[in-house]
């Protein structure tokens, strides 16, 4: 599959990198559709801390989603291998493997990261933006709650979030 948008040279991953690779921005064509389709397919499944999100509606709750595995598995459908936890994903992105963008420039398919109580640079929650104008994301919020369309407007008003635009490959990870 050919990539629709080439990766900016400044974001090129080093050769042999364990996660993603060069290629298309996730906001492009079929890759974006795959990410969003997987996230939408997980809607309604119950949150499971540490869940893999590999089979969200399975009777085995270990296969259900937590916030970071929902993001991880959604992007895996488009060929990008992300680290497991929200903090690891944020650190990987901040190391140059993704574009950190100003929140007002968020687009469908971008990913929101919200800090924990431990500090403003330690990310503890994540979700996939589906409507930036209305501040809506798909996320796995917390124990006892299903994967759902959720508002992140509370984070906008207190400026407690970061937005990442992941770059994906056309052929999968290196």
N, C-alpha and C. Protein backbone atom coordinates (compact mmCIF):
# COMPACT_ATOMS: atom_id res chain seq x y z
N UNK A 1 0.84 -1.16 0.00
CA UNK A 1 0.00 0.00 0.00
C UNK A 1 0.89 1.23 0.00
N UNK A 2 0.61 2.19 -0.86
CA UNK A 2 1.39 3.42 -0.93
C UNK A 2 0.93 4.41 0.11
N UNK A 3 1.87 5.13 0.67
CA UNK A 3 1.55 6.15 1.67
C UNK A 3 1.03 7.40 0.99
N UNK A 4 0.11 8.10 1.63
CA UNK A 4 -0.47 9.30 1.06
C UNK A 4 0.36 10.54 1.34
N UNK A 5 1.02 10.58 2.49
CA UNK A 5 1.80 11.75 2.90
C UNK A 5 3.15 11.24 3.37
N UNK A 6 4.22 11.87 2.93
CA UNK A 6 5.53 11.43 3.38
C UNK A 6 5.87 12.04 4.72
N UNK A 7 6.65 11.34 5.47
CA UNK A 7 7.05 11.78 6.81
C UNK A 7 8.07 12.89 6.70
N UNK A 8 7.89 13.98 7.47
CA UNK A 8 8.90 15.03 7.47
C UNK A 8 10.26 14.47 7.90
N UNK A 9 11.33 14.92 7.27
CA UNK A 9 12.66 14.42 7.58
C UNK A 9 13.00 14.60 9.05
N UNK A 10 12.52 15.67 9.66
CA UNK A 10 12.82 15.94 11.06
C UNK A 10 12.23 14.89 11.99
N UNK A 11 11.25 14.13 11.51
CA UNK A 11 10.61 13.12 12.34
C UNK A 11 11.06 11.70 12.01
N UNK A 12 12.05 11.57 11.16
CA UNK A 12 12.49 10.24 10.75
C UNK A 12 12.97 9.44 11.94
N UNK A 13 12.49 8.20 12.04
CA UNK A 13 12.91 7.31 13.11
C UNK A 13 14.28 6.74 12.79
N UNK A 14 15.10 6.51 13.80
CA UNK A 14 16.40 5.91 13.54
C UNK A 14 16.25 4.49 13.01
N UNK A 15 17.19 4.06 12.20
CA UNK A 15 17.16 2.71 11.65
C UNK A 15 17.16 1.71 12.79
N UNK A 16 16.37 0.67 12.65
CA UNK A 16 16.33 -0.37 13.67
C UNK A 16 15.48 0.00 14.87
N UNK A 17 14.74 1.10 14.79
CA UNK A 17 13.90 1.53 15.91
C UNK A 17 12.87 0.45 16.22
N UNK A 18 12.59 0.22 17.48
CA UNK A 18 11.70 -0.86 17.90
C UNK A 18 10.24 -0.58 17.58
N UNK A 19 9.88 0.67 17.45
CA UNK A 19 8.50 1.02 17.15
C UNK A 19 8.44 1.61 15.76
N UNK A 20 7.30 2.09 15.34
CA UNK A 20 6.98 2.66 14.03
C UNK A 20 8.13 2.95 13.09
N UNK A 21 7.83 3.55 11.96
CA UNK A 21 8.83 3.82 10.96
C UNK A 21 8.41 5.02 10.13
N UNK A 22 9.14 5.27 9.04
CA UNK A 22 8.80 6.39 8.16
C UNK A 22 7.59 6.05 7.32
N UNK A 23 6.91 7.06 6.80
CA UNK A 23 5.78 6.78 5.94
C UNK A 23 4.76 7.88 5.93
N UNK A 24 3.52 7.55 6.21
CA UNK A 24 2.41 8.48 6.08
C UNK A 24 1.95 9.01 7.42
N UNK A 25 1.43 10.22 7.40
CA UNK A 25 0.81 10.76 8.61
C UNK A 25 -0.49 10.02 8.84
N UNK A 26 -0.85 9.81 10.10
CA UNK A 26 -2.03 9.03 10.40
C UNK A 26 -3.29 9.71 9.90
N UNK A 27 -3.27 11.00 9.65
CA UNK A 27 -4.43 11.69 9.14
C UNK A 27 -4.71 11.41 7.69
N UNK A 28 -4.04 10.45 7.09
CA UNK A 28 -4.22 10.18 5.68
C UNK A 28 -5.06 8.93 5.45
N UNK A 29 -5.87 9.00 4.44
CA UNK A 29 -6.65 7.93 3.86
C UNK A 29 -6.93 6.67 4.63
N UNK A 30 -6.49 5.57 4.06
CA UNK A 30 -6.81 4.25 4.60
C UNK A 30 -6.23 4.02 5.98
N UNK A 31 -5.08 4.58 6.28
CA UNK A 31 -4.50 4.38 7.60
C UNK A 31 -5.40 4.97 8.69
N UNK A 32 -5.89 6.17 8.48
CA UNK A 32 -6.78 6.81 9.44
C UNK A 32 -8.06 6.01 9.59
N UNK A 33 -8.60 5.53 8.49
CA UNK A 33 -9.81 4.71 8.55
C UNK A 33 -9.61 3.47 9.40
N UNK A 34 -8.45 2.83 9.28
CA UNK A 34 -8.16 1.62 10.07
C UNK A 34 -8.07 1.93 11.55
N UNK A 35 -7.40 3.04 11.89
CA UNK A 35 -7.27 3.44 13.29
C UNK A 35 -8.65 3.68 13.89
N UNK A 36 -9.46 4.49 13.20
CA UNK A 36 -10.78 4.84 13.73
C UNK A 36 -11.73 3.66 13.75
N UNK A 37 -11.64 2.79 12.74
CA UNK A 37 -12.52 1.61 12.71
C UNK A 37 -12.26 0.72 13.92
N UNK A 38 -10.99 0.51 14.26
CA UNK A 38 -10.69 -0.34 15.41
C UNK A 38 -11.16 0.31 16.70
N UNK A 39 -10.90 1.61 16.85
CA UNK A 39 -11.34 2.31 18.06
C UNK A 39 -12.86 2.24 18.19
N UNK A 40 -13.57 2.47 17.10
CA UNK A 40 -15.03 2.39 17.13
C UNK A 40 -15.50 0.96 17.45
N UNK A 41 -14.78 -0.04 16.96
CA UNK A 41 -15.19 -1.43 17.21
C UNK A 41 -15.09 -1.80 18.68
N UNK A 42 -14.27 -1.08 19.43
CA UNK A 42 -14.10 -1.37 20.86
C UNK A 42 -15.15 -0.69 21.73
N UNK A 43 -15.93 0.21 21.16
CA UNK A 43 -16.95 0.92 21.94
C UNK A 43 -17.85 -0.07 22.67
N UNK A 44 -18.11 0.22 23.93
CA UNK A 44 -19.01 -0.60 24.73
C UNK A 44 -18.34 -1.67 25.56
N UNK A 45 -17.11 -2.06 25.21
CA UNK A 45 -16.43 -3.07 26.01
C UNK A 45 -15.99 -2.44 27.33
N UNK A 46 -15.98 -3.21 28.39
CA UNK A 46 -15.63 -2.67 29.70
C UNK A 46 -14.12 -2.48 29.83
N UNK A 47 -13.74 -1.40 30.49
CA UNK A 47 -12.35 -1.08 30.77
C UNK A 47 -11.72 -2.21 31.59
N UNK A 48 -10.48 -2.51 31.26
CA UNK A 48 -9.72 -3.49 32.04
C UNK A 48 -8.29 -2.97 32.19
N UNK A 49 -7.92 -2.58 33.41
CA UNK A 49 -6.56 -2.10 33.64
C UNK A 49 -5.57 -3.17 33.21
N UNK A 50 -4.62 -2.79 32.38
CA UNK A 50 -3.62 -3.73 31.89
C UNK A 50 -4.12 -4.63 30.77
N UNK A 51 -5.36 -4.44 30.34
CA UNK A 51 -5.91 -5.25 29.26
C UNK A 51 -5.17 -4.98 27.95
N UNK A 52 -5.15 -5.98 27.09
CA UNK A 52 -4.38 -5.88 25.85
C UNK A 52 -5.15 -5.26 24.69
N UNK A 53 -6.47 -5.23 24.78
CA UNK A 53 -7.34 -4.70 23.73
C UNK A 53 -7.21 -5.49 22.43
N UNK A 54 -6.78 -6.75 22.54
CA UNK A 54 -6.61 -7.58 21.34
C UNK A 54 -7.92 -8.23 20.90
N UNK A 55 -8.87 -8.33 21.81
CA UNK A 55 -10.20 -8.84 21.48
C UNK A 55 -11.20 -8.18 22.44
N UNK A 56 -11.51 -6.91 22.17
CA UNK A 56 -12.25 -6.10 23.13
C UNK A 56 -13.57 -6.67 23.64
N UNK A 57 -14.28 -7.43 22.83
CA UNK A 57 -15.59 -7.94 23.25
C UNK A 57 -15.55 -9.41 23.69
N UNK A 58 -14.36 -9.92 23.91
CA UNK A 58 -14.18 -11.29 24.35
C UNK A 58 -14.73 -11.48 25.76
N UNK A 59 -15.05 -12.72 26.10
CA UNK A 59 -15.45 -13.01 27.48
C UNK A 59 -14.24 -12.98 28.41
N UNK A 60 -13.05 -13.04 27.85
CA UNK A 60 -11.81 -12.95 28.62
C UNK A 60 -11.47 -11.48 28.83
N UNK A 61 -11.66 -10.97 30.04
CA UNK A 61 -11.47 -9.54 30.29
C UNK A 61 -10.02 -9.08 30.12
N UNK A 62 -9.06 -10.00 30.16
CA UNK A 62 -7.67 -9.61 29.93
C UNK A 62 -7.46 -9.11 28.51
N UNK A 63 -8.39 -9.43 27.62
CA UNK A 63 -8.30 -9.01 26.22
C UNK A 63 -9.06 -7.71 25.97
N UNK A 64 -9.70 -7.17 27.01
CA UNK A 64 -10.40 -5.89 26.91
C UNK A 64 -9.38 -4.76 26.91
N UNK A 65 -9.83 -3.51 26.88
CA UNK A 65 -8.95 -2.35 26.71
C UNK A 65 -8.78 -1.53 27.98
N UNK A 66 -7.57 -1.00 28.14
CA UNK A 66 -7.40 0.17 28.98
C UNK A 66 -7.07 1.29 28.00
N UNK A 67 -6.87 2.50 28.50
CA UNK A 67 -6.74 3.63 27.58
C UNK A 67 -5.56 3.47 26.61
N UNK A 68 -4.42 3.07 27.12
CA UNK A 68 -3.24 3.00 26.26
C UNK A 68 -3.26 1.80 25.32
N UNK A 69 -3.85 0.69 25.74
CA UNK A 69 -3.92 -0.45 24.82
C UNK A 69 -4.93 -0.17 23.70
N UNK A 70 -5.96 0.62 23.98
CA UNK A 70 -6.90 1.03 22.92
C UNK A 70 -6.16 1.84 21.86
N UNK A 71 -5.34 2.79 22.28
CA UNK A 71 -4.55 3.58 21.34
C UNK A 71 -3.54 2.68 20.63
N UNK A 72 -2.84 1.86 21.39
CA UNK A 72 -1.82 0.98 20.84
C UNK A 72 -2.40 0.06 19.75
N UNK A 73 -3.51 -0.61 20.06
CA UNK A 73 -4.08 -1.57 19.10
C UNK A 73 -4.76 -0.87 17.93
N UNK A 74 -5.33 0.29 18.15
CA UNK A 74 -5.95 1.03 17.05
C UNK A 74 -4.90 1.43 16.02
N UNK A 75 -3.77 1.93 16.48
CA UNK A 75 -2.71 2.33 15.56
C UNK A 75 -1.99 1.12 14.97
N UNK A 76 -1.99 0.01 15.67
CA UNK A 76 -1.39 -1.21 15.12
C UNK A 76 -2.11 -1.63 13.84
N UNK A 77 -3.39 -1.36 13.76
CA UNK A 77 -4.16 -1.73 12.57
C UNK A 77 -3.66 -1.00 11.33
N UNK A 78 -3.01 0.15 11.54
CA UNK A 78 -2.48 0.94 10.43
C UNK A 78 -0.97 0.78 10.29
N UNK A 79 -0.38 -0.15 11.03
CA UNK A 79 1.03 -0.45 10.86
C UNK A 79 1.98 0.23 11.81
N UNK A 80 1.49 0.95 12.81
CA UNK A 80 2.37 1.62 13.75
C UNK A 80 2.40 0.86 15.07
N UNK A 81 3.59 0.42 15.46
CA UNK A 81 3.75 -0.26 16.75
C UNK A 81 4.12 0.77 17.80
N UNK A 82 3.22 0.97 18.74
CA UNK A 82 3.45 1.92 19.83
C UNK A 82 3.84 1.19 21.10
N UNK A 83 4.54 1.87 21.99
CA UNK A 83 4.79 1.29 23.31
C UNK A 83 3.48 1.04 24.04
N UNK A 84 3.53 0.35 25.16
CA UNK A 84 2.33 -0.14 25.84
C UNK A 84 1.57 0.90 26.67
N UNK A 85 2.24 1.67 27.51
CA UNK A 85 1.51 2.54 28.43
C UNK A 85 1.42 3.97 27.88
N UNK A 86 0.49 4.76 28.44
CA UNK A 86 0.35 6.15 28.02
C UNK A 86 1.67 6.91 28.21
N UNK A 87 2.33 6.71 29.33
CA UNK A 87 3.59 7.40 29.58
C UNK A 87 4.66 6.96 28.58
N UNK A 88 4.76 5.66 28.31
CA UNK A 88 5.75 5.18 27.33
C UNK A 88 5.44 5.72 25.94
N UNK A 89 4.16 5.76 25.58
CA UNK A 89 3.78 6.30 24.27
C UNK A 89 4.17 7.77 24.17
N UNK A 90 3.89 8.53 25.24
CA UNK A 90 4.24 9.95 25.24
C UNK A 90 5.75 10.14 25.12
N UNK A 91 6.53 9.40 25.89
CA UNK A 91 7.98 9.53 25.85
C UNK A 91 8.53 9.17 24.46
N UNK A 92 7.98 8.12 23.87
CA UNK A 92 8.41 7.70 22.53
C UNK A 92 8.10 8.79 21.51
N UNK A 93 6.92 9.35 21.62
CA UNK A 93 6.53 10.43 20.70
C UNK A 93 7.41 11.66 20.91
N UNK A 94 7.62 12.03 22.17
CA UNK A 94 8.42 13.21 22.48
C UNK A 94 9.89 13.04 22.07
N UNK A 95 10.34 11.80 21.91
CA UNK A 95 11.71 11.53 21.48
C UNK A 95 11.89 11.73 19.97
N UNK A 96 10.85 12.22 19.30
CA UNK A 96 10.97 12.52 17.88
C UNK A 96 10.25 11.58 16.95
N UNK A 97 9.47 10.65 17.49
CA UNK A 97 8.77 9.68 16.65
C UNK A 97 7.37 10.12 16.27
N UNK A 98 6.99 11.30 16.70
CA UNK A 98 5.68 11.85 16.36
C UNK A 98 5.78 13.36 16.45
N UNK A 99 4.76 14.01 15.99
CA UNK A 99 4.73 15.46 16.03
C UNK A 99 3.87 15.92 17.21
N UNK A 100 4.43 16.69 18.10
CA UNK A 100 3.66 17.29 19.19
C UNK A 100 3.08 18.57 18.61
N UNK A 101 1.76 18.69 18.64
CA UNK A 101 1.12 19.81 17.99
C UNK A 101 0.37 20.67 18.99
N UNK A 102 0.19 21.95 18.68
CA UNK A 102 -0.62 22.80 19.55
C UNK A 102 -2.06 22.26 19.59
N UNK A 103 -2.65 22.16 20.76
CA UNK A 103 -4.01 21.61 20.86
C UNK A 103 -5.04 22.22 19.91
N UNK A 104 -4.99 23.53 19.62
CA UNK A 104 -5.98 24.06 18.67
C UNK A 104 -5.83 23.50 17.25
N UNK A 105 -4.69 22.88 16.94
CA UNK A 105 -4.48 22.31 15.62
C UNK A 105 -4.84 20.82 15.56
N UNK A 106 -5.43 20.30 16.62
CA UNK A 106 -5.80 18.87 16.66
C UNK A 106 -6.74 18.53 15.51
N UNK A 107 -6.53 17.32 14.99
CA UNK A 107 -7.36 16.80 13.90
C UNK A 107 -7.89 15.42 14.30
N UNK A 108 -8.86 14.96 13.55
CA UNK A 108 -9.38 13.61 13.76
C UNK A 108 -8.24 12.62 13.61
N UNK A 109 -8.12 11.71 14.57
CA UNK A 109 -7.06 10.71 14.54
C UNK A 109 -5.84 11.08 15.37
N UNK A 110 -5.74 12.34 15.77
CA UNK A 110 -4.65 12.71 16.68
C UNK A 110 -4.94 12.10 18.05
N UNK A 111 -3.94 12.07 18.90
CA UNK A 111 -4.08 11.42 20.20
C UNK A 111 -3.83 12.43 21.31
N UNK A 112 -4.71 12.42 22.29
CA UNK A 112 -4.60 13.31 23.44
C UNK A 112 -3.93 12.54 24.58
N UNK A 113 -3.03 13.21 25.28
CA UNK A 113 -2.39 12.65 26.47
C UNK A 113 -2.63 13.60 27.63
N UNK A 114 -3.07 13.05 28.77
CA UNK A 114 -3.40 13.85 29.94
C UNK A 114 -2.45 13.43 31.07
N UNK A 115 -1.83 14.42 31.73
CA UNK A 115 -0.91 14.12 32.82
C UNK A 115 -1.60 13.50 34.04
N UNK A 116 -0.82 12.85 34.87
CA UNK A 116 -1.31 12.28 36.12
C UNK A 116 -1.13 13.29 37.25
N UNK A 117 -1.52 12.88 38.42
CA UNK A 117 -1.33 13.69 39.61
C UNK A 117 0.15 13.82 39.97
N UNK A 118 1.00 13.02 39.34
CA UNK A 118 2.43 13.03 39.65
C UNK A 118 3.17 14.21 39.03
N UNK A 119 2.52 14.90 38.11
CA UNK A 119 3.17 16.06 37.50
C UNK A 119 2.74 16.28 36.07
N UNK A 120 3.00 17.47 35.55
CA UNK A 120 2.51 17.83 34.23
C UNK A 120 3.18 17.11 33.07
N UNK A 121 4.29 16.45 33.30
CA UNK A 121 4.98 15.76 32.22
C UNK A 121 4.95 14.24 32.36
N UNK A 122 4.10 13.73 33.22
CA UNK A 122 3.94 12.28 33.39
C UNK A 122 2.52 11.94 32.96
N UNK A 123 2.40 11.32 31.79
CA UNK A 123 1.09 11.07 31.21
C UNK A 123 0.45 9.80 31.77
N UNK A 124 -0.82 9.93 32.11
CA UNK A 124 -1.53 8.82 32.70
C UNK A 124 -2.80 8.42 32.00
N UNK A 125 -3.22 9.20 31.00
CA UNK A 125 -4.44 8.86 30.27
C UNK A 125 -4.29 9.30 28.83
N UNK A 126 -4.97 8.59 27.94
CA UNK A 126 -4.90 8.88 26.52
C UNK A 126 -6.20 8.50 25.83
N UNK A 127 -6.44 9.10 24.68
CA UNK A 127 -7.60 8.79 23.87
C UNK A 127 -7.38 9.28 22.45
N UNK A 128 -8.21 8.81 21.53
CA UNK A 128 -8.09 9.16 20.12
C UNK A 128 -9.14 10.21 19.79
N UNK A 129 -8.68 11.33 19.28
CA UNK A 129 -9.58 12.44 18.96
C UNK A 129 -10.43 12.08 17.74
N UNK A 130 -11.76 12.24 17.90
CA UNK A 130 -12.67 11.97 16.79
C UNK A 130 -13.43 13.22 16.34
N UNK A 131 -13.45 14.26 17.18
CA UNK A 131 -14.10 15.51 16.80
C UNK A 131 -13.43 16.64 17.58
N UNK A 132 -12.38 17.23 16.99
CA UNK A 132 -11.65 18.27 17.70
C UNK A 132 -12.48 19.53 17.95
N UNK A 133 -13.41 19.85 17.08
CA UNK A 133 -14.24 21.05 17.25
C UNK A 133 -15.12 20.94 18.50
N UNK A 134 -15.59 19.72 18.80
CA UNK A 134 -16.44 19.49 19.97
C UNK A 134 -15.66 18.87 21.12
N UNK A 135 -14.34 18.71 20.98
CA UNK A 135 -13.47 18.12 22.01
C UNK A 135 -13.94 16.72 22.39
N UNK A 136 -14.10 15.85 21.38
CA UNK A 136 -14.54 14.49 21.62
C UNK A 136 -13.45 13.51 21.24
N UNK A 137 -13.33 12.45 22.06
CA UNK A 137 -12.36 11.39 21.82
C UNK A 137 -13.02 10.05 22.11
N UNK A 138 -12.42 8.98 21.61
CA UNK A 138 -12.77 7.63 22.03
C UNK A 138 -11.71 7.25 23.04
N UNK A 139 -12.16 6.84 24.22
CA UNK A 139 -11.21 6.42 25.25
C UNK A 139 -11.79 5.31 26.11
N UNK A 140 -10.91 4.67 26.83
CA UNK A 140 -11.28 3.69 27.85
C UNK A 140 -11.02 4.42 29.16
N UNK A 141 -12.06 4.99 29.78
CA UNK A 141 -11.85 5.95 30.86
C UNK A 141 -11.31 5.40 32.17
N UNK A 142 -11.94 4.38 32.74
CA UNK A 142 -11.48 3.86 34.03
C UNK A 142 -12.30 2.63 34.40
N UNK A 143 -11.87 1.95 35.45
CA UNK A 143 -12.57 0.73 35.90
C UNK A 143 -14.05 1.01 36.11
N UNK A 144 -14.87 0.07 35.67
CA UNK A 144 -16.31 0.19 35.82
C UNK A 144 -17.00 0.95 34.70
N UNK A 145 -16.21 1.45 33.73
CA UNK A 145 -16.77 2.21 32.62
C UNK A 145 -16.38 1.58 31.29
N UNK A 146 -17.27 1.63 30.31
CA UNK A 146 -16.95 1.07 29.00
C UNK A 146 -16.12 2.03 28.15
N UNK A 147 -15.50 1.48 27.12
CA UNK A 147 -14.88 2.31 26.09
C UNK A 147 -16.02 3.13 25.51
N UNK A 148 -15.77 4.44 25.35
CA UNK A 148 -16.87 5.31 24.94
C UNK A 148 -16.35 6.57 24.24
N UNK A 149 -17.29 7.28 23.64
CA UNK A 149 -17.01 8.61 23.14
C UNK A 149 -17.11 9.52 24.36
N UNK A 150 -16.07 10.28 24.60
CA UNK A 150 -15.96 11.07 25.82
C UNK A 150 -15.48 12.47 25.46
N UNK A 151 -15.82 13.42 26.30
CA UNK A 151 -15.36 14.80 26.11
C UNK A 151 -14.01 14.99 26.78
N UNK A 152 -13.15 15.76 26.14
CA UNK A 152 -11.93 16.18 26.80
C UNK A 152 -11.94 17.70 27.02
N UNK A 153 -13.12 18.30 26.99
CA UNK A 153 -13.21 19.76 27.15
C UNK A 153 -12.72 20.22 28.52
N UNK A 154 -12.88 19.38 29.54
CA UNK A 154 -12.38 19.74 30.86
C UNK A 154 -10.88 19.97 30.83
N UNK A 155 -10.16 19.17 30.06
CA UNK A 155 -8.71 19.31 29.96
C UNK A 155 -8.33 20.55 29.17
N UNK A 156 -9.17 20.93 28.20
CA UNK A 156 -8.91 22.12 27.40
C UNK A 156 -8.96 23.36 28.28
N UNK A 157 -9.95 23.42 29.14
CA UNK A 157 -10.14 24.60 29.96
C UNK A 157 -9.05 24.80 31.01
N UNK A 158 -8.46 23.73 31.48
CA UNK A 158 -7.39 23.86 32.48
C UNK A 158 -6.01 23.64 31.87
N UNK A 159 -5.98 23.46 30.54
CA UNK A 159 -4.73 23.30 29.79
C UNK A 159 -3.87 22.15 30.33
N UNK A 160 -4.52 21.04 30.60
CA UNK A 160 -3.83 19.88 31.15
C UNK A 160 -3.70 18.75 30.15
N UNK A 161 -3.33 19.04 28.94
CA UNK A 161 -3.18 17.94 28.00
C UNK A 161 -2.20 18.31 26.90
N UNK A 162 -1.76 17.27 26.20
CA UNK A 162 -0.88 17.42 25.04
C UNK A 162 -1.52 16.65 23.90
N UNK A 163 -1.21 17.05 22.67
CA UNK A 163 -1.73 16.35 21.50
C UNK A 163 -0.56 15.88 20.65
N UNK A 164 -0.67 14.64 20.19
CA UNK A 164 0.35 14.01 19.36
C UNK A 164 -0.27 13.64 18.02
N UNK A 165 0.49 13.86 16.96
CA UNK A 165 0.10 13.35 15.65
C UNK A 165 1.11 12.27 15.31
N UNK A 166 0.67 11.02 15.34
CA UNK A 166 1.56 9.91 15.04
C UNK A 166 1.79 9.80 13.55
N UNK A 167 2.94 9.28 13.21
CA UNK A 167 3.32 9.03 11.84
C UNK A 167 3.34 7.52 11.67
N UNK A 168 2.69 7.05 10.60
CA UNK A 168 2.63 5.61 10.40
C UNK A 168 3.31 5.20 9.11
N UNK A 169 3.53 3.93 8.98
CA UNK A 169 4.16 3.40 7.78
C UNK A 169 3.10 2.92 6.81
N UNK A 170 3.47 2.84 5.58
CA UNK A 170 2.57 2.29 4.57
C UNK A 170 2.65 0.77 4.57
N UNK A 171 3.78 0.24 5.03
CA UNK A 171 4.00 -1.21 4.94
C UNK A 171 4.15 -1.87 6.29
N UNK A 172 3.99 -1.14 7.37
CA UNK A 172 4.17 -1.71 8.70
C UNK A 172 5.47 -1.21 9.31
N UNK A 173 5.71 -1.63 10.53
CA UNK A 173 6.88 -1.17 11.27
C UNK A 173 8.15 -1.81 10.74
N UNK A 174 9.25 -1.13 10.98
CA UNK A 174 10.56 -1.64 10.54
C UNK A 174 10.98 -2.81 11.40
